[in-house]
Amino acid sequence: MTTSPQSPWWTPSVHADRRPILLARNRIEATIRGYLAERDFLMVDPPGLQRSPGNETHLHAFATTLIGNDGEPETLYLQTSPEFTMKKLLAAGERRIASLGHVWRNRERGALHSPEFTMLEWYRVGEAYDVVMADCVAMLALAADAAGAKALRHRDRRCDPFAAPDRLSVADAFERFAGIDLLATLDREGATDADGLAHRMRAVGMTVPADYTWSYLFSLALTEKVEPNLGMGCVTILDEYPASEAALARKSARDARVAERFEIYACGVELANGFGELTDVGEQRRRFTAEMDEKHRLYGERYPLDEDFLAALAIMPEASGIAMGFDRVVMLVTGAPRIDAVMWAPVVEAGS
């Protein structure tokens, strides 16, 4: 019997078609676990339920209700990342840790996004963020090897995971691909000039909305002009994000306008996001508060701050860390068209 394209994933014939990719996924996972074990990483298992799911403006969580033994309700959230828990473990004394597990993000679904997906996250205490960059690049080559792939593929794009990566700053990428002098819109301490960025975007023919912030315009130009050109031919390490986009990264000691934040791209797809980790509690609290104020302005909601995390940050040692979208890596290694195609059991869509 022939099944239609709408047949469920558990239909035997559909599963038979998907199975080679799923077996490749398992080989990739085993290879990456081996890489981490050889380097004395301890695998940890953070809980999915958190009191705070993170404090970034555009990060949307799934909320749930915990009923205590006394019958009183408490709002908890499914983790959007294991980051807060893992940094508490660094504060507790662990030095090399990794986690491979499920995370959840709301308002996200598409070819590259699933509301539930697998994240690989790892941290190195006392090591520069260049080291976790190198980890990530090495893992991409190992993943390709494990699946017998010669290249990473997405649509008509190709990337050689065995070639030396191209490392460039965000400012250089904006100049190269968008014709925009990004640093000219930042003062010496990293404060932003939204009107200045809007003027430069209009000058290169970009449409600027009537209501904007510097951060919105930055994301717009990054998405439209820069990202589609990254990871073509070889992996791109996009380094030195503006300080205003630092998230949980510390500012660069070389230039206060930028931060020790980088992202890894292949075939125009973001695969990983890494930091030289911020340990200044006051600065982190200020950033979280500003992000939640903006979230409330845009979406009418805010998430609580994780006070335990901020307390742990005060004793956390200097470290570098990175989060990789494991499913996206499998997608590019196998050439799968959608993220659902590389999941053993995709999240059910409405109407299915």
Protein backbone atom coordinates (compact mmCIF):
# COMPACT_ATOMS: atom_id res chain seq x y z
CA MET A 1 0.00 0.00 0.00
CA THR A 2 1.32 3.46 -0.89
CA THR A 3 1.04 6.16 1.76
CA SER A 4 0.33 9.83 1.06
CA PRO A 5 2.74 12.64 1.98
CA GLN A 6 0.43 13.35 4.93
CA SER A 7 0.92 9.88 6.44
CA PRO A 8 2.00 10.01 10.11
CA TRP A 9 5.66 9.55 10.97
CA TRP A 10 4.86 6.22 12.63
CA THR A 11 3.49 4.71 9.42
CA PRO A 12 5.87 1.77 8.68
CA SER A 13 6.75 2.91 5.18
CA VAL A 14 7.40 6.49 6.35
CA HIS A 15 9.55 5.25 9.22
CA ALA A 16 11.50 2.99 6.85
CA ASP A 17 12.36 6.04 4.73
CA ARG A 18 13.37 8.07 7.81
CA ARG A 19 15.33 5.31 9.55
CA PRO A 20 18.73 5.80 7.82
CA ILE A 21 18.83 9.41 9.01
CA LEU A 22 17.85 8.38 12.54
CA LEU A 23 20.60 5.76 12.65
CA ALA A 24 23.07 8.40 11.45
CA ARG A 25 21.82 10.62 14.27
CA ASN A 26 22.69 7.91 16.80
CA ARG A 27 26.18 7.47 15.32
CA ILE A 28 26.77 11.23 15.48
CA GLU A 29 25.63 11.33 19.10
CA ALA A 30 27.93 8.44 20.06
CA THR A 31 30.88 10.12 18.33
CA ILE A 32 30.33 13.44 20.09
CA ARG A 33 29.92 11.74 23.45
CA GLY A 34 33.21 9.99 22.78
CA TYR A 35 34.92 13.30 21.97
CA LEU A 36 33.72 14.77 25.26
CA ALA A 37 34.68 11.67 27.29
CA GLU A 38 38.20 11.67 25.84
CA ARG A 39 38.61 15.24 27.12
CA ASP A 40 37.35 14.45 30.63
CA PHE A 41 33.99 16.16 30.37
CA LEU A 42 31.45 15.03 32.93
CA MET A 43 27.98 14.53 31.46
CA VAL A 44 25.33 16.15 33.68
CA ASP A 45 21.54 15.96 33.57
CA PRO A 46 19.84 19.29 34.40
CA PRO A 47 16.15 19.22 35.34
CA GLY A 48 13.62 20.35 32.76
CA LEU A 49 11.55 22.36 35.26
CA GLN A 50 12.92 25.77 36.24
CA ARG A 51 11.72 28.80 38.20
CA SER A 52 13.11 31.05 35.48
CA PRO A 53 13.44 29.96 31.85
CA GLY A 54 15.96 32.67 31.01
CA ASN A 55 15.77 36.43 30.66
CA GLU A 56 16.19 37.30 27.00
CA THR A 57 13.62 39.51 25.28
CA HIS A 58 12.70 37.21 22.41
CA LEU A 59 13.05 33.90 24.24
CA HIS A 60 9.59 32.42 24.88
CA ALA A 61 9.03 29.61 27.35
CA PHE A 62 6.38 27.00 28.09
CA ALA A 63 4.80 27.62 31.50
CA THR A 64 3.32 24.93 33.70
CA THR A 65 1.88 24.75 37.21
CA LEU A 66 3.45 22.80 40.06
CA ILE A 67 0.97 21.82 42.77
CA GLY A 68 2.75 21.52 46.11
CA ASN A 69 1.95 18.99 48.83
CA ASP A 70 -0.09 21.74 50.48
CA GLY A 71 -2.15 22.17 47.33
CA GLU A 72 -0.68 25.59 46.57
CA PRO A 73 0.14 26.30 42.90
CA GLU A 74 3.50 27.62 41.67
CA THR A 75 4.38 28.62 38.11
CA LEU A 76 7.39 26.79 36.69
CA TYR A 77 8.82 26.73 33.18
CA LEU A 78 10.31 24.10 30.89
CA GLN A 79 13.96 24.96 30.38
CA THR A 80 14.89 26.89 27.25
CA SER A 81 18.52 26.01 27.99
CA PRO A 82 20.37 24.17 30.78
CA GLU A 83 22.67 27.20 31.17
CA PHE A 84 21.56 28.44 34.61
CA THR A 85 21.78 24.95 36.14
CA MET A 86 25.14 24.19 34.56
CA LYS A 87 26.68 27.43 35.77
CA LYS A 88 25.50 26.61 39.28
CA LEU A 89 27.43 23.33 38.91
CA LEU A 90 30.52 25.34 37.90
CA ALA A 91 30.06 27.41 41.04
CA ALA A 92 29.80 24.16 43.01
CA GLY A 93 33.24 23.11 41.78
CA GLU A 94 32.85 21.22 38.48
CA ARG A 95 35.37 22.20 35.82
CA ARG A 96 34.40 20.49 32.56
CA ILE A 97 30.76 19.60 32.11
CA ALA A 98 28.43 18.86 29.21
CA SER A 99 24.74 18.18 28.76
CA LEU A 100 22.86 16.63 25.84
CA GLY A 101 19.13 16.84 26.36
CA HIS A 102 15.79 18.33 25.45
CA VAL A 103 14.89 22.01 25.74
CA TRP A 104 11.68 23.83 24.89
CA ARG A 105 11.03 27.17 23.18
CA ASN A 106 7.61 28.59 22.44
CA ARG A 107 6.55 30.64 19.39
CA GLU A 108 9.10 28.74 17.27
CA ARG A 109 8.19 26.29 14.52
CA GLY A 110 9.50 25.87 10.99
CA ALA A 111 12.06 24.08 8.84
CA LEU A 112 14.85 24.97 11.31
CA HIS A 113 12.80 25.28 14.51
CA SER A 114 10.90 22.84 16.68
CA PRO A 115 9.20 23.75 19.98
CA GLU A 116 11.08 20.83 21.57
CA PHE A 117 14.60 20.06 20.42
CA THR A 118 17.94 18.66 21.57
CA MET A 119 20.69 20.96 22.79
CA LEU A 120 24.32 20.09 23.39
CA GLU A 121 25.89 22.48 25.87
CA TRP A 122 29.37 22.36 27.41
CA TYR A 123 31.65 24.46 29.63
CA ARG A 124 35.37 24.71 30.31
CA VAL A 125 36.60 26.46 33.47
CA GLY A 126 39.75 28.56 33.16
CA GLU A 127 39.96 28.31 29.37
CA ALA A 128 39.56 30.97 26.69
CA TYR A 129 36.48 30.98 24.52
CA ASP A 130 38.64 30.16 21.50
CA VAL A 131 38.88 26.62 22.93
CA VAL A 132 35.14 25.98 22.79
CA MET A 133 35.15 27.39 19.25
CA ALA A 134 37.71 24.73 18.35
CA ASP A 135 35.61 22.06 20.10
CA CYS A 136 32.62 22.97 17.95
CA VAL A 137 34.54 22.96 14.67
CA ALA A 138 36.09 19.59 15.55
CA MET A 139 32.68 18.12 16.40
CA LEU A 140 31.23 19.16 13.04
CA ALA A 141 34.00 17.26 11.25
CA LEU A 142 33.49 14.24 13.50
CA ALA A 143 29.73 14.34 12.91
CA ALA A 144 30.25 14.33 9.14
CA ASP A 145 32.72 11.45 9.44
CA ALA A 146 30.29 9.45 11.57
CA ALA A 147 27.60 9.78 8.90
CA GLY A 148 29.94 9.28 5.96
CA ALA A 149 29.23 12.79 4.66
CA LYS A 150 31.71 14.75 2.55
CA ALA A 151 29.91 18.07 3.08
CA LEU A 152 27.28 19.82 5.17
CA ARG A 153 24.20 20.60 3.06
CA HIS A 154 21.14 22.80 3.36
CA ARG A 155 18.97 23.39 0.29
CA ASP A 156 21.42 24.28 -2.49
CA ARG A 157 24.21 25.33 -0.12
CA ARG A 158 27.36 23.39 0.70
CA CYS A 159 29.99 23.68 3.43
CA ASP A 160 33.16 21.66 3.92
CA PRO A 161 33.35 20.67 7.62
CA PHE A 162 36.95 19.52 7.20
CA ALA A 163 38.25 22.87 5.92
CA ALA A 164 39.73 25.53 8.21
CA PRO A 165 36.95 27.85 9.45
CA ASP A 166 36.62 31.50 8.49
CA ARG A 167 36.61 33.66 11.63
CA LEU A 168 35.42 37.23 11.30
CA SER A 169 33.98 39.85 13.61
CA VAL A 170 30.36 40.96 13.42
CA ALA A 171 31.59 44.43 12.42
CA ASP A 172 33.65 42.99 9.54
CA ALA A 173 30.69 40.86 8.42
CA PHE A 174 28.39 43.91 8.36
CA GLU A 175 30.94 45.82 6.31
CA ARG A 176 31.53 42.93 3.91
CA PHE A 177 27.99 41.74 3.32
CA ALA A 178 25.79 44.76 4.11
CA GLY A 179 28.07 47.74 3.44
CA ILE A 180 27.32 49.07 6.93
CA ASP A 181 29.85 50.51 9.40
CA LEU A 182 28.36 49.00 12.55
CA LEU A 183 30.98 50.27 15.00
CA ALA A 184 30.20 53.84 13.93
CA THR A 185 26.80 53.38 15.62
CA LEU A 186 28.40 52.52 18.99
CA ASP A 187 30.21 54.83 21.40
CA ARG A 188 33.43 53.86 23.19
CA GLU A 189 31.53 52.01 25.95
CA GLY A 190 29.18 50.22 23.57
CA ALA A 191 26.11 52.48 23.90
CA THR A 192 24.02 52.33 20.72
CA ASP A 193 22.80 54.94 18.23
CA ALA A 194 19.58 53.65 16.66
CA ASP A 195 19.12 56.62 14.35
CA GLY A 196 22.69 56.27 13.12
CA LEU A 197 22.13 52.62 12.25
CA ALA A 198 18.80 53.42 10.58
CA HIS A 199 20.52 56.05 8.42
CA ARG A 200 23.21 53.59 7.31
CA MET A 201 20.65 50.90 6.52
CA ARG A 202 18.60 53.28 4.37
CA ALA A 203 21.79 54.32 2.58
CA VAL A 204 22.29 50.72 1.37
CA GLY A 205 18.68 50.39 0.27
CA MET A 206 17.20 48.62 3.29
CA THR A 207 13.68 49.36 4.48
CA VAL A 208 13.51 50.66 8.04
CA PRO A 209 10.21 50.53 9.97
CA ALA A 210 8.78 53.65 11.59
CA ASP A 211 9.16 52.26 15.11
CA TYR A 212 12.56 50.74 15.81
CA THR A 213 15.30 50.13 18.34
CA TRP A 214 18.98 49.60 17.64
CA SER A 215 18.66 45.94 18.62
CA TYR A 216 15.76 45.40 16.21
CA LEU A 217 17.64 47.01 13.34
CA PHE A 218 20.77 45.00 14.14
CA SER A 219 18.78 41.75 14.02
CA LEU A 220 17.07 42.81 10.80
CA ALA A 221 20.34 43.55 9.00
CA LEU A 222 21.98 40.42 10.40
CA THR A 223 19.13 38.21 9.21
CA GLU A 224 18.63 39.79 5.79
CA LYS A 225 22.15 40.72 4.73
CA VAL A 226 24.72 38.84 6.78
CA GLU A 227 23.54 35.37 7.80
CA PRO A 228 22.70 34.12 4.27
CA ASN A 229 26.39 34.58 3.37
CA LEU A 230 27.88 32.73 6.34
CA GLY A 231 29.24 29.19 6.30
CA MET A 232 29.50 28.99 2.51
CA GLY A 233 32.34 26.70 1.47
CA CYS A 234 33.68 26.49 5.01
CA VAL A 235 32.38 26.99 8.54
CA THR A 236 32.10 30.62 9.69
CA ILE A 237 32.85 31.74 13.25
CA LEU A 238 31.04 35.06 13.69
CA ASP A 239 32.86 36.68 16.60
CA GLU A 240 32.76 39.83 18.76
CA TYR A 241 29.07 40.64 18.95
CA PRO A 242 28.24 44.21 19.99
CA ALA A 243 28.23 44.63 23.77
CA SER A 244 24.51 45.46 23.68
CA GLU A 245 23.89 41.97 22.24
CA ALA A 246 26.22 40.20 24.68
CA ALA A 247 23.52 38.25 26.56
CA LEU A 248 25.56 36.35 29.18
CA ALA A 249 28.99 37.07 27.68
CA ARG A 250 31.62 39.35 29.19
CA LYS A 251 32.85 42.43 27.37
CA SER A 252 36.07 42.16 25.41
CA ALA A 253 39.15 43.33 27.30
CA ARG A 254 40.42 44.70 23.99
CA ASP A 255 37.39 46.77 22.96
CA ALA A 256 34.50 47.70 25.27
CA ARG A 257 32.19 48.08 22.27
CA VAL A 258 32.10 44.33 21.73
CA ALA A 259 31.73 41.15 23.77
CA GLU A 260 33.25 37.67 23.89
CA ARG A 261 30.26 36.19 22.12
CA PHE A 262 30.39 34.18 18.91
CA GLU A 263 28.13 32.04 16.74
CA ILE A 264 28.99 29.16 14.42
CA TYR A 265 27.41 29.01 10.96
CA ALA A 266 27.32 26.48 8.13
CA CYS A 267 25.28 26.82 4.93
CA GLY A 268 23.76 30.05 6.26
CA VAL A 269 22.38 28.19 9.31
CA GLU A 270 23.31 29.09 12.89
CA LEU A 271 24.50 25.96 14.70
CA ALA A 272 25.97 27.19 17.98
CA ASN A 273 26.20 30.20 20.29
CA GLY A 274 29.17 30.59 22.65
CA PHE A 275 30.49 32.96 25.30
CA GLY A 276 33.43 33.95 27.36
CA GLU A 277 31.13 33.85 30.38
CA LEU A 278 30.16 36.96 32.34
CA THR A 279 30.69 36.63 36.11
CA ASP A 280 29.86 40.21 37.14
CA VAL A 281 26.62 39.81 39.12
CA GLY A 282 25.64 43.48 39.01
CA GLU A 283 26.13 43.70 35.26
CA GLN A 284 24.21 40.46 34.67
CA ARG A 285 21.31 41.65 36.84
CA ARG A 286 21.22 44.95 34.92
CA ARG A 287 21.11 43.11 31.60
CA PHE A 288 18.38 40.74 32.74
CA THR A 289 16.24 43.61 34.03
CA ALA A 290 16.62 45.59 30.81
CA GLU A 291 15.74 42.51 28.74
CA MET A 292 12.62 41.84 30.81
CA ASP A 293 11.55 45.48 30.56
CA GLU A 294 11.80 45.21 26.77
CA LYS A 295 9.96 41.86 26.79
CA HIS A 296 7.14 43.45 28.76
CA ARG A 297 7.00 46.36 26.30
CA LEU A 298 6.83 44.08 23.27
CA TYR A 299 4.92 41.04 24.53
CA GLY A 300 3.23 42.14 27.76
CA GLU A 301 5.00 39.55 29.93
CA ARG A 302 8.17 39.04 31.90
CA TYR A 303 9.92 36.10 33.54
CA PRO A 304 11.27 36.11 37.10
CA LEU A 305 15.01 36.44 37.68
CA ASP A 306 16.73 33.33 38.99
CA GLU A 307 18.15 34.71 42.22
CA ASP A 308 19.94 31.42 42.95
CA PHE A 309 21.71 31.74 39.61
CA LEU A 310 22.79 35.31 40.36
CA ALA A 311 24.05 34.23 43.81
CA ALA A 312 25.98 31.33 42.23
CA LEU A 313 27.46 33.66 39.62
CA ALA A 314 29.25 35.53 42.40
CA ILE A 315 31.40 32.47 43.12
CA MET A 316 31.52 30.95 39.63
CA PRO A 317 35.07 30.79 38.24
CA GLU A 318 36.07 32.25 34.88
CA ALA A 319 34.80 29.91 32.15
CA SER A 320 33.82 29.58 28.53
CA GLY A 321 30.75 27.80 27.26
CA ILE A 322 28.72 27.01 24.18
CA ALA A 323 25.31 25.66 23.19
CA MET A 324 24.88 23.72 19.94
CA GLY A 325 21.62 22.80 18.23
CA PHE A 326 22.21 19.06 17.89
CA ASP A 327 19.26 18.45 15.56
CA ARG A 328 20.48 21.15 13.17
CA VAL A 329 23.89 19.51 13.00
CA VAL A 330 22.24 16.21 12.09
CA MET A 331 20.14 18.05 9.48
CA LEU A 332 23.16 19.51 7.74
CA VAL A 333 25.22 16.33 7.94
CA THR A 334 22.44 14.22 6.42
CA GLY A 335 21.04 16.89 4.09
CA ALA A 336 17.57 16.56 5.64
CA PRO A 337 15.20 19.36 4.54
CA ARG A 338 13.50 19.91 7.90
CA ILE A 339 14.36 19.54 11.57
CA ASP A 340 11.41 17.16 12.09
CA ALA A 341 13.06 14.72 9.67
CA VAL A 342 15.96 14.07 12.07
CA MET A 343 13.87 13.51 15.21
CA TRP A 344 12.92 10.01 16.25
CA ALA A 345 9.43 11.26 17.13
CA PRO A 346 8.61 14.80 15.96
CA VAL A 347 6.44 17.09 18.07
CA VAL A 348 2.83 16.68 16.89
CA GLU A 349 1.48 19.65 14.93
CA ALA A 350 -2.02 21.04 15.36
CA GLY A 351 -4.50 19.09 13.28
CA SER A 352 -2.27 15.99 13.08
